[in-house]
Amino acid sequence: MSNSIRTASQKSRYESLLQAVSTTDILAICIVADPDAIASALALKRLFWRKVKKIIICRVNAIKRSDNLAMLRYLHIAIPYIKQIDTTQVTNWAIVDSQPHHHKSLSNIEFSILIDHHPPSPVLTVPFMDIREEYGATSSIMVEYLRAADINPSAKLATALFYGIKTDTDNFARSSIAADIKAFHYLYPHVNRNIIKKIESSEINKKNVADFRKAFDALQFVGDTVYIHMGMVNDSDSLVIIADFFLKMVEATWCMVSGIYGQKVIIIIRNAGFRLDAGKVASRLFGKLGSAGGHKSAARAEIPVSVFISEIGDLSKVSDFMKDKIKKR
């Protein structure tokens, strides 16, 4: 966040945000779709309602998790791929809950607006940029903008934001601050809690039963860490679902799940302990081989297969490599 925005009141932040668009703009809000990003995009769209000519929300990733698909279905949300929209008509771009370096499809877009809670890239140059990495969810930041604009969220928007905060903070088990709780409390009276229940009960489906079977067979303990190597996977989100699930084991303080997706070795890390930071652990263990980072309780690393093979050995060594890294944690 720039110094001027960091020190500004929320009301002046909102006024600065409005200066980033014009009434003739066709605004595209681009996201790496997950519940927090989807909700934040809906909130930004509401903030700019009748303030620009047209607003489009688009995504750069596939949505495959059954709970995320349930969110779209129950809240009647449609978010097309970026390739499905006519980008030649777009005059202004915004991004929420992500940054250009997070996805290759974002890297060539010139954004005017960026609102996020992930650690910032040191090379970001966006005219309006509000990054608050201490927040547990971007949805919490967007609630503050709505309140500064004196906008009461509809049941649909409130439910989306509420669920965005729930998922990104893992019901406040992950890093969060008082502002997240305040936003959550503010939204509560407006939320359709029956829809929340339906979405949350949609995590497991017939397609990922085989993944769970494989995970149970591959499960190993290295100290207080559950480690599972899933081998080749068709969907990297399956690694996230497995990591979240197996952290629930009584004996586990950490869970690390690895898998090979496309041309990358992907490592998902979850931490329920007090002492270490998952993001810092990911950076220390894997940062020299690829991209790695995250929050105190959740992190991710991606190592190009070519780098792994040249530096470590063939892909049959992933499991041994991981167990050695876990011991050095």
Protein backbone atom coordinates (compact mmCIF):
# COMPACT_ATOMS: atom_id res chain seq x y z
CA MET A 1 0.00 0.00 0.00
CA SER A 2 1.29 3.47 -0.80
CA ASN A 3 2.00 5.77 2.14
CA SER A 4 -0.86 8.08 1.18
CA ILE A 5 -3.41 5.27 1.14
CA ARG A 6 -1.91 3.59 4.22
CA THR A 7 -2.52 6.69 6.33
CA ALA A 8 -5.85 7.63 4.83
CA SER A 9 -9.20 7.14 6.51
CA GLN A 10 -11.48 4.57 4.95
CA LYS A 11 -13.70 7.34 3.62
CA SER A 12 -10.81 8.98 1.80
CA ARG A 13 -9.68 5.57 0.52
CA TYR A 14 -13.12 5.14 -1.00
CA GLU A 15 -12.97 8.60 -2.57
CA SER A 16 -9.52 7.82 -4.00
CA LEU A 17 -10.88 4.56 -5.40
CA LEU A 18 -13.62 6.43 -7.26
CA GLN A 19 -10.98 8.63 -8.87
CA ALA A 20 -9.49 5.54 -10.54
CA VAL A 21 -12.47 5.20 -12.93
CA SER A 22 -14.54 7.41 -15.20
CA THR A 23 -18.20 7.25 -16.17
CA THR A 24 -17.26 6.16 -19.70
CA ASP A 25 -15.14 3.19 -18.57
CA ILE A 26 -15.83 -0.42 -19.38
CA LEU A 27 -14.24 -1.96 -16.29
CA ALA A 28 -13.04 -5.56 -16.12
CA ILE A 29 -12.45 -7.02 -12.66
CA CYS A 30 -10.06 -9.93 -13.07
CA ILE A 31 -9.63 -12.62 -10.41
CA VAL A 32 -8.01 -15.93 -9.60
CA ALA A 33 -11.36 -17.33 -8.59
CA ASP A 34 -11.87 -18.59 -5.05
CA PRO A 35 -14.56 -17.58 -2.53
CA ASP A 36 -12.69 -14.54 -1.21
CA ALA A 37 -11.84 -13.31 -4.71
CA ILE A 38 -15.36 -13.90 -6.03
CA ALA A 39 -16.95 -12.04 -3.12
CA SER A 40 -14.45 -9.17 -3.35
CA ALA A 41 -15.13 -8.78 -7.07
CA LEU A 42 -18.88 -8.65 -6.43
CA ALA A 43 -18.30 -5.96 -3.80
CA LEU A 44 -16.13 -3.88 -6.13
CA LYS A 45 -18.79 -4.20 -8.83
CA ARG A 46 -21.38 -2.88 -6.36
CA LEU A 47 -19.13 0.04 -5.40
CA PHE A 48 -18.86 1.09 -9.04
CA TRP A 49 -22.55 0.56 -9.88
CA ARG A 50 -23.77 3.53 -11.95
CA LYS A 51 -20.28 5.06 -11.77
CA VAL A 52 -18.93 3.40 -14.91
CA LYS A 53 -20.48 2.44 -18.24
CA LYS A 54 -20.17 -1.34 -17.79
CA ILE A 55 -18.58 -3.82 -15.37
CA ILE A 56 -17.38 -7.32 -16.22
CA ILE A 57 -16.02 -9.88 -13.75
CA CYS A 58 -13.75 -12.50 -15.31
CA ARG A 59 -11.38 -15.20 -14.11
CA VAL A 60 -8.07 -16.66 -15.26
CA ASN A 61 -8.41 -20.09 -13.64
CA ALA A 62 -10.70 -23.09 -13.80
CA ILE A 63 -13.15 -23.51 -10.93
CA LYS A 64 -13.15 -27.19 -10.00
CA ARG A 65 -13.59 -27.45 -6.24
CA SER A 66 -17.09 -28.67 -5.52
CA ASP A 67 -17.64 -26.17 -2.68
CA ASN A 68 -16.60 -23.27 -4.93
CA LEU A 69 -18.92 -24.50 -7.67
CA ALA A 70 -21.67 -24.75 -5.06
CA MET A 71 -21.07 -21.11 -4.10
CA LEU A 72 -21.58 -20.05 -7.72
CA ARG A 73 -24.65 -22.25 -8.09
CA TYR A 74 -26.47 -21.29 -4.90
CA LEU A 75 -25.69 -17.57 -5.23
CA HIS A 76 -26.43 -17.51 -8.98
CA ILE A 77 -23.04 -16.11 -9.94
CA ALA A 78 -21.59 -16.42 -13.45
CA ILE A 79 -17.92 -15.59 -14.00
CA PRO A 80 -16.56 -16.23 -17.51
CA TYR A 81 -12.98 -17.00 -18.45
CA ILE A 82 -11.01 -13.94 -19.49
CA LYS A 83 -10.71 -15.51 -22.96
CA GLN A 84 -14.51 -15.52 -23.24
CA ILE A 85 -14.85 -11.74 -22.98
CA ASP A 86 -14.07 -9.08 -25.58
CA THR A 87 -11.07 -7.46 -23.94
CA THR A 88 -10.68 -5.00 -26.81
CA GLN A 89 -13.65 -3.09 -25.39
CA VAL A 90 -12.19 -2.90 -21.86
CA THR A 91 -10.88 0.56 -20.94
CA ASN A 92 -9.93 -0.09 -17.32
CA TRP A 93 -8.76 -3.13 -15.35
CA ALA A 94 -9.04 -4.01 -11.66
CA ILE A 95 -7.76 -6.98 -9.69
CA VAL A 96 -8.85 -8.11 -6.21
CA ASP A 97 -7.46 -10.76 -3.86
CA SER A 98 -4.47 -11.33 -6.12
CA GLN A 99 -1.55 -9.62 -7.84
CA PRO A 100 -0.20 -9.73 -11.41
CA HIS A 101 2.68 -12.06 -10.54
CA HIS A 102 0.30 -14.67 -9.08
CA HIS A 103 -0.81 -15.99 -12.49
CA LYS A 104 0.77 -15.83 -15.94
CA SER A 105 -2.49 -14.61 -17.51
CA LEU A 106 -2.40 -11.53 -15.26
CA SER A 107 1.19 -10.50 -15.87
CA ASN A 108 0.58 -8.58 -19.12
CA ILE A 109 -2.48 -6.63 -17.95
CA GLU A 110 -2.05 -2.99 -16.96
CA PHE A 111 -4.20 -2.68 -13.86
CA SER A 112 -5.46 0.64 -12.51
CA ILE A 113 -6.88 -0.83 -9.29
CA LEU A 114 -5.47 -3.50 -6.97
CA ILE A 115 -7.00 -4.46 -3.62
CA ASP A 116 -5.49 -7.45 -1.82
CA HIS A 117 -4.33 -8.97 1.45
CA HIS A 118 -1.40 -11.07 0.21
CA PRO A 119 2.23 -9.96 0.68
CA PRO A 120 3.04 -7.40 -2.03
CA SER A 121 5.47 -7.86 -4.87
CA PRO A 122 8.26 -5.26 -4.63
CA VAL A 123 7.80 -4.29 -8.29
CA LEU A 124 4.10 -3.42 -8.24
CA THR A 125 3.17 -0.17 -9.98
CA VAL A 126 -0.60 0.29 -9.90
CA PRO A 127 -2.20 3.77 -9.68
CA PHE A 128 -4.68 2.76 -6.96
CA MET A 129 -3.23 0.06 -4.72
CA ASP A 130 -4.56 -1.01 -1.32
CA ILE A 131 -2.71 -4.01 0.09
CA ARG A 132 -3.28 -4.91 3.73
CA GLU A 133 -1.39 -8.13 4.37
CA GLU A 134 -2.35 -8.16 8.05
CA TYR A 135 -5.99 -8.81 7.07
CA GLY A 136 -7.23 -12.39 6.92
CA ALA A 137 -9.39 -11.81 3.84
CA THR A 138 -9.80 -9.28 1.07
CA SER A 139 -13.55 -9.56 1.69
CA SER A 140 -13.00 -7.83 5.04
CA ILE A 141 -11.33 -4.91 3.27
CA MET A 142 -14.21 -4.71 0.80
CA VAL A 143 -16.74 -4.54 3.65
CA GLU A 144 -14.95 -1.42 4.88
CA TYR A 145 -15.27 0.15 1.43
CA LEU A 146 -19.00 -0.66 1.32
CA ARG A 147 -19.51 0.91 4.73
CA ALA A 148 -17.53 4.00 3.74
CA ALA A 149 -19.82 4.31 0.71
CA ASP A 150 -22.93 3.91 2.92
CA ILE A 151 -23.95 0.84 0.92
CA ASN A 152 -25.98 -1.84 2.69
CA PRO A 153 -25.09 -5.16 1.03
CA SER A 154 -27.84 -7.30 -0.45
CA ALA A 155 -28.34 -10.77 1.00
CA LYS A 156 -26.46 -12.24 -1.97
CA LEU A 157 -23.46 -9.93 -1.58
CA ALA A 158 -23.41 -10.25 2.22
CA THR A 159 -23.53 -14.05 1.97
CA ALA A 160 -20.67 -14.09 -0.55
CA LEU A 161 -18.49 -11.79 1.59
CA PHE A 162 -19.33 -13.72 4.77
CA TYR A 163 -18.30 -16.97 3.10
CA GLY A 164 -15.17 -15.33 1.68
CA ILE A 165 -14.07 -14.35 5.18
CA LYS A 166 -14.96 -17.79 6.58
CA THR A 167 -12.90 -19.63 4.00
CA ASP A 168 -9.81 -17.41 3.91
CA THR A 169 -9.55 -17.26 7.70
CA ASP A 170 -10.63 -20.92 8.05
CA ASN A 171 -13.28 -19.78 10.53
CA PHE A 172 -10.64 -17.56 12.20
CA ALA A 173 -8.26 -20.47 12.79
CA ARG A 174 -5.81 -18.81 10.36
CA SER A 175 -4.19 -15.40 10.65
CA SER A 176 -6.73 -12.62 11.04
CA ILE A 177 -7.21 -9.36 12.90
CA ALA A 178 -10.01 -7.54 14.70
CA ALA A 179 -11.08 -5.92 11.42
CA ASP A 180 -11.94 -9.35 10.00
CA ILE A 181 -14.11 -10.11 13.03
CA LYS A 182 -15.75 -6.70 12.79
CA ALA A 183 -16.60 -7.25 9.11
CA PHE A 184 -17.90 -10.74 9.86
CA HIS A 185 -20.10 -9.39 12.66
CA TYR A 186 -21.41 -6.59 10.44
CA LEU A 187 -22.41 -9.02 7.67
CA TYR A 188 -24.05 -11.61 9.93
CA PRO A 189 -27.60 -10.13 10.06
CA HIS A 190 -27.72 -9.89 6.26
CA VAL A 191 -26.50 -13.42 5.50
CA ASN A 192 -28.53 -16.34 4.18
CA ARG A 193 -27.12 -18.92 6.56
CA ASN A 194 -28.97 -21.81 4.92
CA ILE A 195 -27.00 -21.16 1.74
CA ILE A 196 -23.77 -21.07 3.76
CA LYS A 197 -24.64 -24.51 5.17
CA LYS A 198 -25.34 -25.87 1.68
CA ILE A 199 -22.06 -24.55 0.31
CA GLU A 200 -20.00 -25.87 3.22
CA SER A 201 -21.53 -29.34 2.94
CA SER A 202 -20.46 -29.56 -0.72
CA GLU A 203 -16.71 -30.07 -0.19
CA ILE A 204 -16.53 -33.76 -1.09
CA ASN A 205 -18.03 -35.26 -4.23
CA LYS A 206 -17.85 -38.48 -6.21
CA LYS A 207 -14.94 -37.19 -8.26
CA ASN A 208 -12.57 -36.70 -5.33
CA VAL A 209 -13.36 -39.89 -3.40
CA ALA A 210 -10.52 -41.57 -5.31
CA ASP A 211 -8.15 -38.80 -4.19
CA PHE A 212 -9.04 -39.40 -0.55
CA ARG A 213 -8.54 -43.15 -0.97
CA LYS A 214 -5.10 -42.52 -2.46
CA ALA A 215 -4.25 -40.04 0.30
CA PHE A 216 -5.15 -42.48 3.09
CA ASP A 217 -2.90 -45.09 1.49
CA ALA A 218 0.01 -42.65 1.06
CA LEU A 219 -0.24 -40.98 4.50
CA GLN A 220 2.96 -40.87 6.55
CA PHE A 221 3.94 -39.11 9.76
CA VAL A 222 7.26 -37.30 10.03
CA GLY A 223 7.26 -36.12 13.63
CA ASP A 224 4.14 -33.99 14.08
CA THR A 225 3.75 -33.52 10.31
CA VAL A 226 1.32 -35.49 8.18
CA TYR A 227 2.98 -35.93 4.80
CA ILE A 228 1.20 -37.22 1.70
CA HIS A 229 2.63 -37.49 -1.80
CA MET A 230 -0.17 -37.74 -4.33
CA GLY A 231 2.00 -38.32 -7.40
CA MET A 232 0.51 -37.11 -10.69
CA VAL A 233 -2.74 -35.18 -10.22
CA ASN A 234 -5.27 -33.82 -12.70
CA ASP A 235 -6.20 -30.84 -10.53
CA SER A 236 -3.95 -28.95 -8.13
CA ASP A 237 -6.98 -27.99 -6.02
CA SER A 238 -7.19 -31.63 -4.94
CA LEU A 239 -3.92 -31.12 -3.05
CA VAL A 240 -5.46 -28.19 -1.16
CA ILE A 241 -8.54 -30.19 -0.20
CA ILE A 242 -6.38 -33.10 1.02
CA ALA A 243 -4.10 -30.79 3.06
CA ASP A 244 -7.03 -29.04 4.75
CA PHE A 245 -8.68 -32.36 5.57
CA PHE A 246 -5.68 -34.19 7.04
CA LEU A 247 -4.63 -31.28 9.25
CA LYS A 248 -7.70 -32.25 11.28
CA MET A 249 -5.88 -35.35 12.57
CA VAL A 250 -5.37 -35.13 16.33
CA GLU A 251 -1.67 -35.98 16.09
CA ALA A 252 -0.90 -33.42 13.38
CA THR A 253 0.43 -29.90 13.90
CA TRP A 254 1.50 -29.62 10.27
CA CYS A 255 0.31 -31.13 7.01
CA MET A 256 2.29 -31.12 3.78
CA VAL A 257 0.91 -32.53 0.56
CA SER A 258 2.90 -32.78 -2.65
CA GLY A 259 1.87 -33.64 -6.17
CA ILE A 260 2.92 -33.23 -9.77
CA TYR A 261 0.59 -31.09 -11.85
CA GLY A 262 1.55 -30.26 -15.41
CA GLN A 263 5.18 -29.18 -15.39
CA LYS A 264 5.33 -28.31 -11.70
CA VAL A 265 5.88 -30.06 -8.39
CA ILE A 266 3.29 -28.43 -6.14
CA ILE A 267 3.54 -28.44 -2.35
CA ILE A 268 0.67 -27.37 -0.10
CA ILE A 269 1.46 -26.58 3.53
CA ARG A 270 -0.91 -26.20 6.48
CA ASN A 271 0.12 -25.30 10.02
CA ALA A 272 -1.89 -25.39 13.25
CA GLY A 273 1.05 -24.61 15.54
CA PHE A 274 2.09 -21.45 17.36
CA ARG A 275 5.84 -21.35 16.83
CA LEU A 276 6.54 -21.31 13.09
CA ASP A 277 5.11 -19.47 10.10
CA ALA A 278 4.04 -21.67 7.15
CA GLY A 279 4.81 -18.96 4.60
CA LYS A 280 8.31 -18.42 5.96
CA VAL A 281 8.90 -22.18 6.16
CA ALA A 282 7.84 -22.56 2.52
CA SER A 283 10.18 -19.76 1.43
CA ARG A 284 13.11 -21.17 3.41
CA LEU A 285 12.69 -24.79 2.31
CA PHE A 286 11.65 -24.32 -1.32
CA GLY A 287 12.26 -20.69 -2.31
CA LYS A 288 15.58 -21.40 -4.06
CA LEU A 289 13.91 -23.93 -6.36
CA GLY A 290 10.73 -22.08 -7.32
CA SER A 291 8.01 -19.78 -6.05
CA ALA A 292 7.11 -20.23 -2.39
CA GLY A 293 5.25 -18.27 0.28
CA GLY A 294 1.98 -17.72 2.07
CA HIS A 295 0.59 -16.90 5.49
CA LYS A 296 1.32 -18.17 9.01
CA SER A 297 -1.04 -21.12 8.72
CA ALA A 298 -1.21 -21.76 4.97
CA ALA A 299 1.43 -21.75 2.25
CA ARG A 300 2.25 -23.08 -1.20
CA ALA A 301 5.36 -23.82 -3.22
CA GLU A 302 5.67 -24.53 -6.93
CA ILE A 303 8.87 -26.02 -8.34
CA PRO A 304 9.27 -26.43 -12.11
CA VAL A 305 9.74 -30.10 -12.97
CA SER A 306 12.83 -29.20 -15.01
CA VAL A 307 14.41 -27.50 -11.98
CA PHE A 308 13.54 -30.40 -9.68
CA ILE A 309 15.10 -32.92 -12.08
CA SER A 310 18.29 -30.89 -12.56
CA GLU A 311 18.73 -29.99 -8.88
CA ILE A 312 17.32 -33.01 -7.03
CA GLY A 313 16.83 -35.94 -9.40
CA ASP A 314 14.00 -37.72 -11.16
CA LEU A 315 10.41 -37.35 -9.97
CA SER A 316 10.50 -40.65 -8.08
CA LYS A 317 12.57 -38.77 -5.48
CA VAL A 318 9.85 -36.24 -4.57
CA SER A 319 8.72 -38.17 -1.50
CA ASP A 320 12.26 -38.62 -0.11
CA PHE A 321 13.06 -34.97 -0.89
CA MET A 322 9.97 -33.81 0.99
CA LYS A 323 10.60 -35.98 4.04
CA ASP A 324 14.15 -34.65 4.25
CA LYS A 325 12.85 -31.06 4.03
CA ILE A 326 10.22 -31.73 6.71
CA LYS A 327 12.93 -32.94 9.09
CA LYS A 328 14.81 -29.66 8.51
CA ARG A 329 11.74 -27.52 9.10
